[in-house]
PDB file of N, CA and C in Angstrom:
ATOM      1  N   MET A   1    -112.057 -60.488 -67.727  1.00  0.00           N
ATOM      2  CA  MET A   1    -111.175 -61.558 -67.300  1.00  0.00           C
ATOM      3  C   MET A   1    -110.874 -62.441 -68.499  1.00  0.00           C
ATOM      4  N   SER A   2    -109.603 -62.584 -68.850  1.00  0.00           N
ATOM      5  CA  SER A   2    -109.253 -63.373 -70.023  1.00  0.00           C
ATOM      6  C   SER A   2    -108.926 -64.805 -69.638  1.00  0.00           C
ATOM      7  N   GLU A   3    -109.345 -65.733 -70.461  1.00  0.00           N
ATOM      8  CA  GLU A   3    -109.064 -67.147 -70.236  1.00  0.00           C
ATOM      9  C   GLU A   3    -107.666 -67.447 -70.756  1.00  0.00           C
ATOM     10  N   GLN A   4    -106.892 -68.165 -69.960  1.00  0.00           N
ATOM     11  CA  GLN A   4    -105.567 -68.563 -70.410  1.00  0.00           C
ATOM     12  C   GLN A   4    -105.678 -69.823 -71.248  1.00  0.00           C
ATOM     13  N   GLU A   5    -104.761 -69.958 -72.167  1.00  0.00           N
ATOM     14  CA  GLU A   5    -104.691 -71.148 -73.017  1.00  0.00           C
ATOM     15  C   GLU A   5    -104.207 -72.330 -72.172  1.00  0.00           C
ATOM     16  N   PRO A   6    -104.846 -73.509 -72.256  1.00  0.00           N
ATOM     17  CA  PRO A   6    -104.356 -74.678 -71.509  1.00  0.00           C
ATOM     18  C   PRO A   6    -102.921 -75.017 -71.930  1.00  0.00           C
ATOM     19  N   PRO A   7    -102.088 -75.505 -70.992  1.00  0.00           N
ATOM     20  CA  PRO A   7    -100.685 -75.792 -71.307  1.00  0.00           C
ATOM     21  C   PRO A   7    -100.477 -77.104 -72.067  1.00  0.00           C
ATOM     22  N   VAL A   8    -101.563 -77.807 -72.392  1.00  0.00           N
ATOM     23  CA  VAL A   8    -101.463 -79.066 -73.135  1.00  0.00           C
ATOM     24  C   VAL A   8    -102.378 -79.020 -74.346  1.00  0.00           C
ATOM     25  N   LYS A   9    -102.084 -79.878 -75.310  1.00  0.00           N
ATOM     26  CA  LYS A   9    -102.920 -79.987 -76.508  1.00  0.00           C
ATOM     27  C   LYS A   9    -103.217 -81.458 -76.750  1.00  0.00           C
ATOM     28  N   ALA A  10    -104.330 -81.749 -77.367  1.00  0.00           N
ATOM     29  CA  ALA A  10    -104.699 -83.122 -77.688  1.00  0.00           C
ATOM     30  C   ALA A  10    -103.610 -83.754 -78.544  1.00  0.00           C
ATOM     31  N   GLY A  11    -103.245 -84.982 -78.207  1.00  0.00           N
ATOM     32  CA  GLY A  11    -102.216 -85.701 -78.944  1.00  0.00           C
ATOM     33  C   GLY A  11    -100.841 -85.651 -78.309  1.00  0.00           C
ATOM     34  N   GLU A  12    -100.614 -84.727 -77.404  1.00  0.00           N
ATOM     35  CA  GLU A  12     -99.311 -84.621 -76.742  1.00  0.00           C
ATOM     36  C   GLU A  12     -99.100 -85.778 -75.769  1.00  0.00           C
ATOM     37  N   ILE A  13     -97.833 -86.114 -75.557  1.00  0.00           N
ATOM     38  CA  ILE A  13     -97.439 -87.155 -74.606  1.00  0.00           C
ATOM     39  C   ILE A  13     -96.747 -86.485 -73.423  1.00  0.00           C
ATOM     40  N   HIS A  14     -97.140 -86.897 -72.203  1.00  0.00           N
ATOM     41  CA  HIS A  14     -96.531 -86.350 -70.981  1.00  0.00           C
ATOM     42  C   HIS A  14     -96.318 -87.469 -69.975  1.00  0.00           C
ATOM     43  N   GLU A  15     -95.289 -87.312 -69.144  1.00  0.00           N
ATOM     44  CA  GLU A  15     -95.072 -88.210 -68.018  1.00  0.00           C
ATOM     45  C   GLU A  15     -95.645 -87.523 -66.789  1.00  0.00           C
ATOM     46  N   VAL A  16     -96.548 -88.236 -66.085  1.00  0.00           N
ATOM     47  CA  VAL A  16     -97.225 -87.631 -64.947  1.00  0.00           C
ATOM     48  C   VAL A  16     -97.245 -88.589 -63.764  1.00  0.00           C
ATOM     49  N   SER A  17     -97.387 -88.022 -62.595  1.00  0.00           N
ATOM     50  CA  SER A  17     -97.576 -88.782 -61.371  1.00  0.00           C
ATOM     51  C   SER A  17     -99.022 -88.577 -60.942  1.00  0.00           C
ATOM     52  N   VAL A  18     -99.719 -89.673 -60.653  1.00  0.00           N
ATOM     53  CA  VAL A  18    -101.124 -89.588 -60.255  1.00  0.00           C
ATOM     54  C   VAL A  18    -101.171 -89.181 -58.786  1.00  0.00           C
ATOM     55  N   ARG A  19    -101.761 -88.023 -58.520  1.00  0.00           N
ATOM     56  CA  ARG A  19    -101.763 -87.449 -57.179  1.00  0.00           C
ATOM     57  C   ARG A  19    -102.964 -87.881 -56.339  1.00  0.00           C
ATOM     58  N   ALA A  20    -104.065 -88.226 -57.011  1.00  0.00           N
ATOM     59  CA  ALA A  20    -105.284 -88.588 -56.284  1.00  0.00           C
ATOM     60  C   ALA A  20    -106.201 -89.355 -57.224  1.00  0.00           C
ATOM     61  N   VAL A  21    -107.307 -89.838 -56.662  1.00  0.00           N
ATOM     62  CA  VAL A  21    -108.330 -90.511 -57.462  1.00  0.00           C
ATOM     63  C   VAL A  21    -109.629 -89.752 -57.246  1.00  0.00           C
ATOM     64  N   GLY A  22    -110.278 -89.380 -58.349  1.00  0.00           N
ATOM     65  CA  GLY A  22    -111.528 -88.634 -58.272  1.00  0.00           C
ATOM     66  C   GLY A  22    -112.692 -89.501 -57.836  1.00  0.00           C
ATOM     67  N   GLU A  23    -113.843 -88.884 -57.605  1.00  0.00           N
ATOM     68  CA  GLU A  23    -115.014 -89.614 -57.113  1.00  0.00           C
ATOM     69  C   GLU A  23    -115.555 -90.622 -58.124  1.00  0.00           C
ATOM     70  N   LYS A  24    -115.240 -90.460 -59.400  1.00  0.00           N
ATOM     71  CA  LYS A  24    -115.684 -91.417 -60.416  1.00  0.00           C
ATOM     72  C   LYS A  24    -114.633 -92.485 -60.694  1.00  0.00           C
ATOM     73  N   GLY A  25    -113.499 -92.453 -59.977  1.00  0.00           N
ATOM     74  CA  GLY A  25    -112.477 -93.481 -60.095  1.00  0.00           C
ATOM     75  C   GLY A  25    -111.323 -93.157 -61.009  1.00  0.00           C
ATOM     76  N   ASP A  26    -111.371 -92.030 -61.688  1.00  0.00           N
ATOM     77  CA  ASP A  26    -110.263 -91.646 -62.567  1.00  0.00           C
ATOM     78  C   ASP A  26    -109.126 -91.048 -61.745  1.00  0.00           C
ATOM     79  N   GLY A  27    -107.908 -91.307 -62.202  1.00  0.00           N
ATOM     80  CA  GLY A  27    -106.750 -90.712 -61.549  1.00  0.00           C
ATOM     81  C   GLY A  27    -106.669 -89.240 -61.892  1.00  0.00           C
ATOM     82  N   ILE A  28    -106.129 -88.472 -60.976  1.00  0.00           N
ATOM     83  CA  ILE A  28    -105.971 -87.031 -61.180  1.00  0.00           C
ATOM     84  C   ILE A  28    -104.479 -86.715 -61.184  1.00  0.00           C
ATOM     85  N   ALA A  29    -104.022 -86.122 -62.284  1.00  0.00           N
ATOM     86  CA  ALA A  29    -102.621 -85.724 -62.424  1.00  0.00           C
ATOM     87  C   ALA A  29    -102.599 -84.278 -62.888  1.00  0.00           C
ATOM     88  N   LYS A  30    -101.430 -83.662 -62.846  1.00  0.00           N
ATOM     89  CA  LYS A  30    -101.305 -82.275 -63.298  1.00  0.00           C
ATOM     90  C   LYS A  30    -100.100 -82.123 -64.216  1.00  0.00           C
ATOM     91  N   VAL A  31    -100.269 -81.261 -65.223  1.00  0.00           N
ATOM     92  CA  VAL A  31     -99.176 -80.846 -66.102  1.00  0.00           C
ATOM     93  C   VAL A  31     -99.158 -79.323 -66.049  1.00  0.00           C
ATOM     94  N   ASN A  32     -98.087 -78.769 -65.483  1.00  0.00           N
ATOM     95  CA  ASN A  32     -97.978 -77.306 -65.310  1.00  0.00           C
ATOM     96  C   ASN A  32     -99.206 -76.731 -64.609  1.00  0.00           C
ATOM     97  N   GLY A  33     -99.710 -77.432 -63.601  1.00  0.00           N
ATOM     98  CA  GLY A  33    -100.858 -76.972 -62.837  1.00  0.00           C
ATOM     99  C   GLY A  33    -102.209 -77.263 -63.477  1.00  0.00           C
ATOM    100  N   PHE A  34    -102.211 -77.810 -64.690  1.00  0.00           N
ATOM    101  CA  PHE A  34    -103.448 -78.103 -65.416  1.00  0.00           C
ATOM    102  C   PHE A  34    -103.887 -79.525 -65.069  1.00  0.00           C
ATOM    103  N   VAL A  35    -105.132 -79.683 -64.639  1.00  0.00           N
ATOM    104  CA  VAL A  35    -105.649 -80.973 -64.175  1.00  0.00           C
ATOM    105  C   VAL A  35    -105.980 -81.886 -65.346  1.00  0.00           C
ATOM    106  N   LEU A  36    -105.498 -83.146 -65.212  1.00  0.00           N
ATOM    107  CA  LEU A  36    -105.819 -84.180 -66.190  1.00  0.00           C
ATOM    108  C   LEU A  36    -106.497 -85.344 -65.483  1.00  0.00           C
ATOM    109  N   PHE A  37    -107.539 -85.888 -66.106  1.00  0.00           N
ATOM    110  CA  PHE A  37    -108.195 -87.088 -65.595  1.00  0.00           C
ATOM    111  C   PHE A  37    -107.681 -88.264 -66.408  1.00  0.00           C
ATOM    112  N   VAL A  38    -107.221 -89.296 -65.697  1.00  0.00           N
ATOM    113  CA  VAL A  38    -106.625 -90.461 -66.354  1.00  0.00           C
ATOM    114  C   VAL A  38    -107.307 -91.724 -65.824  1.00  0.00           C
ATOM    115  N   PRO A  39    -108.093 -92.424 -66.663  1.00  0.00           N
ATOM    116  CA  PRO A  39    -108.747 -93.646 -66.191  1.00  0.00           C
ATOM    117  C   PRO A  39    -107.761 -94.815 -66.070  1.00  0.00           C
ATOM    118  N   GLY A  40    -108.077 -95.764 -65.184  1.00  0.00           N
ATOM    119  CA  GLY A  40    -107.295 -96.991 -65.060  1.00  0.00           C
ATOM    120  C   GLY A  40    -106.007 -96.879 -64.286  1.00  0.00           C
ATOM    121  N   VAL A  41    -105.875 -95.860 -63.474  1.00  0.00           N
ATOM    122  CA  VAL A  41    -104.673 -95.702 -62.653  1.00  0.00           C
ATOM    123  C   VAL A  41    -105.066 -95.513 -61.204  1.00  0.00           C
ATOM    124  N   LYS A  42    -104.084 -95.646 -60.320  1.00  0.00           N
ATOM    125  CA  LYS A  42    -104.353 -95.400 -58.900  1.00  0.00           C
ATOM    126  C   LYS A  42    -103.364 -94.384 -58.352  1.00  0.00           C
ATOM    127  N   LYS A  43    -103.670 -93.853 -57.202  1.00  0.00           N
ATOM    128  CA  LYS A  43    -102.823 -92.840 -56.584  1.00  0.00           C
ATOM    129  C   LYS A  43    -101.401 -93.373 -56.426  1.00  0.00           C
ATOM    130  N   GLY A  44    -100.422 -92.548 -56.816  1.00  0.00           N
ATOM    131  CA  GLY A  44     -99.022 -92.919 -56.701  1.00  0.00           C
ATOM    132  C   GLY A  44     -98.437 -93.504 -57.976  1.00  0.00           C
ATOM    133  N   ASP A  45     -99.271 -93.871 -58.956  1.00  0.00           N
ATOM    134  CA  ASP A  45     -98.754 -94.401 -60.225  1.00  0.00           C
ATOM    135  C   ASP A  45     -97.987 -93.314 -60.973  1.00  0.00           C
ATOM    136  N   PHE A  46     -96.954 -93.728 -61.692  1.00  0.00           N
ATOM    137  CA  PHE A  46     -96.189 -92.824 -62.546  1.00  0.00           C
ATOM    138  C   PHE A  46     -96.331 -93.367 -63.953  1.00  0.00           C
ATOM    139  N   VAL A  47     -96.957 -92.600 -64.832  1.00  0.00           N
ATOM    140  CA  VAL A  47     -97.319 -93.103 -66.159  1.00  0.00           C
ATOM    141  C   VAL A  47     -97.016 -92.087 -67.250  1.00  0.00           C
ATOM    142  N   LYS A  48     -96.864 -92.613 -68.465  1.00  0.00           N
ATOM    143  CA  LYS A  48     -96.763 -91.774 -69.654  1.00  0.00           C
ATOM    144  C   LYS A  48     -98.163 -91.769 -70.241  1.00  0.00           C
ATOM    145  N   VAL A  49     -98.707 -90.571 -70.497  1.00  0.00           N
ATOM    146  CA  VAL A  49    -100.085 -90.456 -70.998  1.00  0.00           C
ATOM    147  C   VAL A  49    -100.128 -89.676 -72.307  1.00  0.00           C
ATOM    148  N   LYS A  50    -101.176 -89.939 -73.061  1.00  0.00           N
ATOM    149  CA  LYS A  50    -101.447 -89.186 -74.284  1.00  0.00           C
ATOM    150  C   LYS A  50    -102.716 -88.391 -74.034  1.00  0.00           C
ATOM    151  N   ILE A  51    -102.654 -87.091 -74.277  1.00  0.00           N
ATOM    152  CA  ILE A  51    -103.813 -86.218 -74.065  1.00  0.00           C
ATOM    153  C   ILE A  51    -104.858 -86.544 -75.144  1.00  0.00           C
ATOM    154  N   THR A  52    -106.084 -86.833 -74.699  1.00  0.00           N
ATOM    155  CA  THR A  52    -107.141 -87.187 -75.651  1.00  0.00           C
ATOM    156  C   THR A  52    -108.136 -86.058 -75.876  1.00  0.00           C
ATOM    157  N   LYS A  53    -108.366 -85.253 -74.845  1.00  0.00           N
ATOM    158  CA  LYS A  53    -109.349 -84.168 -74.959  1.00  0.00           C
ATOM    159  C   LYS A  53    -108.945 -83.040 -74.023  1.00  0.00           C
ATOM    160  N   VAL A  54    -109.087 -81.812 -74.493  1.00  0.00           N
ATOM    161  CA  VAL A  54    -108.730 -80.652 -73.676  1.00  0.00           C
ATOM    162  C   VAL A  54    -109.926 -79.705 -73.613  1.00  0.00           C
ATOM    163  N   LEU A  55    -110.367 -79.433 -72.391  1.00  0.00           N
ATOM    164  CA  LEU A  55    -111.421 -78.442 -72.139  1.00  0.00           C
ATOM    165  C   LEU A  55    -110.751 -77.201 -71.550  1.00  0.00           C
ATOM    166  N   PRO A  56    -111.465 -76.114 -71.383  1.00  0.00           N
ATOM    167  CA  PRO A  56    -110.823 -74.891 -70.854  1.00  0.00           C
ATOM    168  C   PRO A  56    -110.144 -75.054 -69.492  1.00  0.00           C
ATOM    169  N   LYS A  57    -110.710 -75.886 -68.599  1.00  0.00           N
ATOM    170  CA  LYS A  57    -110.144 -75.981 -67.247  1.00  0.00           C
ATOM    171  C   LYS A  57    -109.563 -77.348 -66.913  1.00  0.00           C
ATOM    172  N   VAL A  58    -109.913 -78.387 -67.651  1.00  0.00           N
ATOM    173  CA  VAL A  58    -109.403 -79.736 -67.386  1.00  0.00           C
ATOM    174  C   VAL A  58    -109.142 -80.456 -68.699  1.00  0.00           C
ATOM    175  N   GLY A  59    -108.387 -81.555 -68.597  1.00  0.00           N
ATOM    176  CA  GLY A  59    -108.124 -82.369 -69.774  1.00  0.00           C
ATOM    177  C   GLY A  59    -108.305 -83.834 -69.438  1.00  0.00           C
ATOM    178  N   PHE A  60    -108.305 -84.674 -70.479  1.00  0.00           N
ATOM    179  CA  PHE A  60    -108.453 -86.108 -70.316  1.00  0.00           C
ATOM    180  C   PHE A  60    -107.300 -86.779 -71.044  1.00  0.00           C
ATOM    181  N   ALA A  61    -106.815 -87.885 -70.491  1.00  0.00           N
ATOM    182  CA  ALA A  61    -105.668 -88.570 -71.082  1.00  0.00           C
ATOM    183  C   ALA A  61    -105.821 -90.072 -70.900  1.00  0.00           C
ATOM    184  N   GLU A  62    -105.117 -90.820 -71.746  1.00  0.00           N
ATOM    185  CA  GLU A  62    -105.099 -92.272 -71.621  1.00  0.00           C
ATOM    186  C   GLU A  62    -103.667 -92.733 -71.395  1.00  0.00           C
ATOM    187  N   VAL A  63    -103.524 -93.846 -70.678  1.00  0.00           N
ATOM    188  CA  VAL A  63    -102.199 -94.366 -70.362  1.00  0.00           C
ATOM    189  C   VAL A  63    -101.568 -94.966 -71.610  1.00  0.00           C
ATOM    190  N   VAL A  64    -100.340 -94.545 -71.898  1.00  0.00           N
ATOM    191  CA  VAL A  64     -99.574 -95.087 -73.006  1.00  0.00           C
ATOM    192  C   VAL A  64     -98.591 -96.127 -72.470  1.00  0.00           C
ATOM    193  N   GLU A  65     -98.006 -95.812 -71.292  1.00  0.00           N
ATOM    194  CA  GLU A  65     -96.991 -96.685 -70.712  1.00  0.00           C
ATOM    195  C   GLU A  65     -96.924 -96.465 -69.210  1.00  0.00           C
ATOM    196  N   ARG A  66     -96.759 -97.553 -68.486  1.00  0.00           N
ATOM    197  CA  ARG A  66     -96.557 -97.454 -67.036  1.00  0.00           C
ATOM    198  C   ARG A  66     -95.059 -97.358 -66.793  1.00  0.00           C
ATOM    199  N   LEU A  67     -94.659 -96.393 -65.985  1.00  0.00           N
ATOM    200  CA  LEU A  67     -93.245 -96.130 -65.745  1.00  0.00           C
ATOM    201  C   LEU A  67     -92.898 -96.412 -64.296  1.00  0.00           C
ATOM    202  N   GLU A  68     -91.604 -96.549 -64.040  1.00  0.00           N
ATOM    203  CA  GLU A  68     -91.151 -96.650 -62.658  1.00  0.00           C
ATOM    204  C   GLU A  68     -91.003 -95.247 -62.118  1.00  0.00           C
ATOM    205  N   LYS A  69     -91.407 -95.070 -60.890  1.00  0.00           N
ATOM    206  CA  LYS A  69     -91.290 -93.755 -60.266  1.00  0.00           C
ATOM    207  C   LYS A  69     -89.822 -93.376 -60.153  1.00  0.00           C
ATOM    208  N   PRO A  70     -89.465 -92.167 -60.585  1.00  0.00           N
ATOM    209  CA  PRO A  70     -88.054 -91.775 -60.490  1.00  0.00           C
ATOM    210  C   PRO A  70     -87.611 -91.709 -59.040  1.00  0.00           C
ATOM    211  N   LYS A  71     -86.363 -92.128 -58.805  1.00  0.00           N
ATOM    212  CA  LYS A  71     -85.829 -92.076 -57.443  1.00  0.00           C
ATOM    213  C   LYS A  71     -85.551 -90.637 -57.084  1.00  0.00           C
ATOM    214  N   ARG A  72     -86.007 -90.258 -55.940  1.00  0.00           N
ATOM    215  CA  ARG A  72     -85.827 -88.894 -55.480  1.00  0.00           C
ATOM    216  C   ARG A  72     -84.427 -88.737 -54.910  1.00  0.00           C
ATOM    217  N   GLN A  73     -83.718 -87.752 -55.378  1.00  0.00           N
ATOM    218  CA  GLN A  73     -82.377 -87.489 -54.892  1.00  0.00           C
ATOM    219  C   GLN A  73     -82.451 -86.679 -53.606  1.00  0.00           C
ATOM    220  N   SER A  74     -81.759 -87.142 -52.605  1.00  0.00           N
ATOM    221  CA  SER A  74     -81.712 -86.426 -51.345  1.00  0.00           C
ATOM    222  C   SER A  74     -80.745 -85.255 -51.464  1.00  0.00           C
ATOM    223  N   LYS A  75     -81.071 -84.169 -50.813  1.00  0.00           N
ATOM    224  CA  LYS A  75     -80.150 -83.041 -50.825  1.00  0.00           C
ATOM    225  C   LYS A  75     -79.037 -83.232 -49.798  1.00  0.00           C
ATOM    226  N   PHE A  76     -79.121 -84.320 -49.020  1.00  0.00           N
ATOM    227  CA  PHE A  76     -78.102 -84.620 -48.035  1.00  0.00           C
ATOM    228  C   PHE A  76     -77.237 -85.770 -48.534  1.00  0.00           C
ATOM    229  N   ALA A  77     -75.948 -85.659 -48.367  1.00  0.00           N
ATOM    230  CA  ALA A  77     -75.037 -86.708 -48.817  1.00  0.00           C
ATOM    231  C   ALA A  77     -75.052 -87.861 -47.821  1.00  0.00           C
ATOM    232  N   ALA A  78     -74.958 -89.077 -48.338  1.00  0.00           N
ATOM    233  CA  ALA A  78     -74.875 -90.255 -47.478  1.00  0.00           C
ATOM    234  C   ALA A  78     -73.403 -90.523 -47.190  1.00  0.00           C
ATOM    235  N   ILE A  79     -73.088 -90.686 -45.914  1.00  0.00           N
ATOM    236  CA  ILE A  79     -71.708 -90.980 -45.546  1.00  0.00           C
ATOM    237  C   ILE A  79     -71.687 -92.201 -44.642  1.00  0.00           C
ATOM    238  N   THR A  80     -70.556 -92.878 -44.611  1.00  0.00           N
ATOM    239  CA  THR A  80     -70.427 -94.085 -43.796  1.00  0.00           C
ATOM    240  C   THR A  80     -70.057 -93.709 -42.360  1.00  0.00           C
ATOM    241  N   ARG A  81     -70.178 -94.707 -41.475  1.00  0.00           N
ATOM    242  CA  ARG A  81     -69.844 -94.493 -40.068  1.00  0.00           C
ATOM    243  C   ARG A  81     -68.364 -94.110 -39.926  1.00  0.00           C
ATOM    244  N   GLU A  82     -67.525 -94.740 -40.742  1.00  0.00           N
ATOM    245  CA  GLU A  82     -66.092 -94.445 -40.670  1.00  0.00           C
ATOM    246  C   GLU A  82     -65.818 -92.981 -41.037  1.00  0.00           C
ATOM    247  N   GLU A  83     -66.558 -92.473 -42.003  1.00  0.00           N
ATOM    248  CA  GLU A  83     -66.365 -91.083 -42.406  1.00  0.00           C
ATOM    249  C   GLU A  83     -66.820 -90.113 -41.316  1.00  0.00           C
ATOM    250  N   LEU A  84     -67.722 -90.579 -40.459  1.00  0.00           N
ATOM    251  CA  LEU A  84     -68.211 -89.735 -39.370  1.00  0.00           C
ATOM    252  C   LEU A  84     -67.216 -89.625 -38.218  1.00  0.00           C
ATOM    253  N   GLU A  85     -66.390 -90.671 -38.059  1.00  0.00           N
ATOM    254  CA  GLU A  85     -65.447 -90.665 -36.943  1.00  0.00           C
ATOM    255  C   GLU A  85     -64.483 -89.488 -37.079  1.00  0.00           C
ATOM    256  N   VAL A  86     -64.343 -88.781 -36.017  1.00  0.00           N
ATOM    257  CA  VAL A  86     -63.462 -87.618 -36.027  1.00  0.00           C
ATOM    258  C   VAL A  86     -62.059 -88.071 -35.675  1.00  0.00           C
ATOM    259  N   VAL A  87     -61.123 -87.748 -36.521  1.00  0.00           N
ATOM    260  CA  VAL A  87     -59.724 -88.067 -36.264  1.00  0.00           C
ATOM    261  C   VAL A  87     -59.120 -86.875 -35.541  1.00  0.00           C
ATOM    262  N   GLU A  88     -58.543 -87.146 -34.376  1.00  0.00           N
ATOM    263  CA  GLU A  88     -57.977 -86.050 -33.587  1.00  0.00           C
ATOM    264  C   GLU A  88     -56.659 -85.603 -34.212  1.00  0.00           C
ATOM    265  N   ALA A  89     -56.573 -84.338 -34.476  1.00  0.00           N
ATOM    266  CA  ALA A  89     -55.368 -83.774 -35.089  1.00  0.00           C
ATOM    267  C   ALA A  89     -54.264 -83.671 -34.052  1.00  0.00           C
ATOM    268  N   PRO A  90     -53.020 -83.873 -34.464  1.00  0.00           N
ATOM    269  CA  PRO A  90     -51.917 -83.713 -33.502  1.00  0.00           C
ATOM    270  C   PRO A  90     -51.824 -82.256 -33.062  1.00  0.00           C
ATOM    271  N   PRO A  91     -51.377 -82.022 -31.862  1.00  0.00           N
ATOM    272  CA  PRO A  91     -51.292 -80.639 -31.382  1.00  0.00           C
ATOM    273  C   PRO A  91     -50.375 -79.805 -32.273  1.00  0.00           C
ATOM    274  N   SER A  92     -50.776 -78.580 -32.469  1.00  0.00           N
ATOM    275  CA  SER A  92     -49.995 -77.679 -33.312  1.00  0.00           C
ATOM    276  C   SER A  92     -48.812 -77.147 -32.526  1.00  0.00           C
ATOM    277  N   GLU A  93     -47.646 -77.102 -33.154  1.00  0.00           N
ATOM    278  CA  GLU A  93     -46.461 -76.582 -32.484  1.00  0.00           C
ATOM    279  C   GLU A  93     -46.255 -75.105 -32.799  1.00  0.00           C
ATOM    280  N   GLU A  94     -47.233 -74.514 -33.468  1.00  0.00           N
ATOM    281  CA  GLU A  94     -47.126 -73.111 -33.844  1.00  0.00           C
ATOM    282  C   GLU A  94     -47.189 -72.194 -32.619  1.00  0.00           C
ATOM    283  N   TYR A  95     -47.927 -72.618 -31.594  1.00  0.00           N
ATOM    284  CA  TYR A  95     -48.084 -71.801 -30.396  1.00  0.00           C
ATOM    285  C   TYR A  95     -47.590 -72.576 -29.191  1.00  0.00           C
ATOM    286  N   ASP A  96     -46.977 -71.862 -28.261  1.00  0.00           N
ATOM    287  CA  ASP A  96     -46.510 -72.495 -27.025  1.00  0.00           C
ATOM    288  C   ASP A  96     -47.624 -72.453 -26.008  1.00  0.00           C
ATOM    289  N   GLU A  97     -47.717 -73.557 -25.239  1.00  0.00           N
ATOM    290  CA  GLU A  97     -48.696 -73.572 -24.159  1.00  0.00           C
ATOM    291  C   GLU A  97     -48.101 -72.829 -22.977  1.00  0.00           C
ATOM    292  N   THR A  98     -48.881 -71.923 -22.400  1.00  0.00           N
ATOM    293  CA  THR A  98     -48.399 -71.165 -21.243  1.00  0.00           C
ATOM    294  C   THR A  98     -49.476 -71.125 -20.185  1.00  0.00           C
ATOM    295  N   ASP A  99     -49.047 -70.863 -18.954  1.00  0.00           N
ATOM    296  CA  ASP A  99     -49.986 -70.750 -17.843  1.00  0.00           C
ATOM    297  C   ASP A  99     -50.433 -69.304 -17.653  1.00  0.00           C
ATOM    298  N   ASP A 100     -49.815 -68.354 -18.331  1.00  0.00           N
ATOM    299  CA  ASP A 100     -50.137 -66.940 -18.137  1.00  0.00           C
ATOM    300  C   ASP A 100     -51.002 -66.379 -19.256  1.00  0.00           C
ATOM    301  N   PHE A 101     -51.930 -67.203 -19.745  1.00  0.00           N
ATOM    302  CA  PHE A 101     -52.784 -66.777 -20.834  1.00  0.00           C
ATOM    303  C   PHE A 101     -53.550 -65.504 -20.457  1.00  0.00           C
ATOM    304  N   GLY A 102     -53.383 -64.463 -21.210  1.00  0.00           N
ATOM    305  CA  GLY A 102     -54.103 -63.205 -20.998  1.00  0.00           C
ATOM    306  C   GLY A 102     -53.493 -62.349 -19.919  1.00  0.00           C
ATOM    307  N   ALA A 103     -52.422 -62.755 -19.332  1.00  0.00           N
ATOM    308  CA  ALA A 103     -51.814 -61.965 -18.245  1.00  0.00           C
ATOM    309  C   ALA A 103     -51.324 -60.622 -18.777  1.00  0.00           C
ATOM    310  N   ASP A 104     -50.827 -60.581 -19.983  1.00  0.00           N
ATOM    311  CA  ASP A 104     -50.324 -59.331 -20.521  1.00  0.00           C
ATOM    312  C   ASP A 104     -51.456 -58.335 -20.783  1.00  0.00           C
ATOM    313  N   LEU A 105     -52.673 -58.804 -20.901  1.00  0.00           N
ATOM    314  CA  LEU A 105     -53.803 -57.910 -21.136  1.00  0.00           C
ATOM    315  C   LEU A 105     -54.210 -57.170 -19.877  1.00  0.00           C
ATOM    316  N   ASP A 106     -53.971 -57.794 -18.727  1.00  0.00           N
ATOM    317  CA  ASP A 106     -54.351 -57.145 -17.461  1.00  0.00           C
ATOM    318  C   ASP A 106     -53.512 -55.902 -17.198  1.00  0.00           C
ATOM    319  N   ASP A 107     -52.308 -55.847 -17.739  1.00  0.00           N
ATOM    320  CA  ASP A 107     -51.403 -54.742 -17.489  1.00  0.00           C
ATOM    321  C   ASP A 107     -51.780 -53.475 -18.255  1.00  0.00           C
ATOM    322  N   GLU A 108     -52.630 -53.554 -19.252  1.00  0.00           N
ATOM    323  CA  GLU A 108     -52.937 -52.403 -20.097  1.00  0.00           C
ATOM    324  C   GLU A 108     -53.912 -51.424 -19.466  1.00  0.00           C
ATOM    325  N   ASP A 109     -54.541 -51.753 -18.359  1.00  0.00           N
ATOM    326  CA  ASP A 109     -55.553 -50.861 -17.765  1.00  0.00           C
ATOM    327  C   ASP A 109     -54.992 -49.610 -17.276  1.00  0.00           C
TER     328      ASP A 109
END
């Protein structure tokens, strides 16, 4: 079984979202699935961190800057109430209204 190289290196800067807080109080974030422990943060914080130490399965980082959480874009468009109102189209004059709809089909049997 071969060990994969960690996706981060000491000294690198990354923007991360703190997903949880570990039992010792450090924030837990991930970079490409690689776990980082970040002291002095709480769950939900969005921070820029500098990697300080990298072990085979986890890394450690320190906060460089506190950032605002990016606004999540909805995949649904926002529309106003007026845009929702259905405007009734005028009747089409392409076809004549008749009372014998489908009558010609009965004759084909």
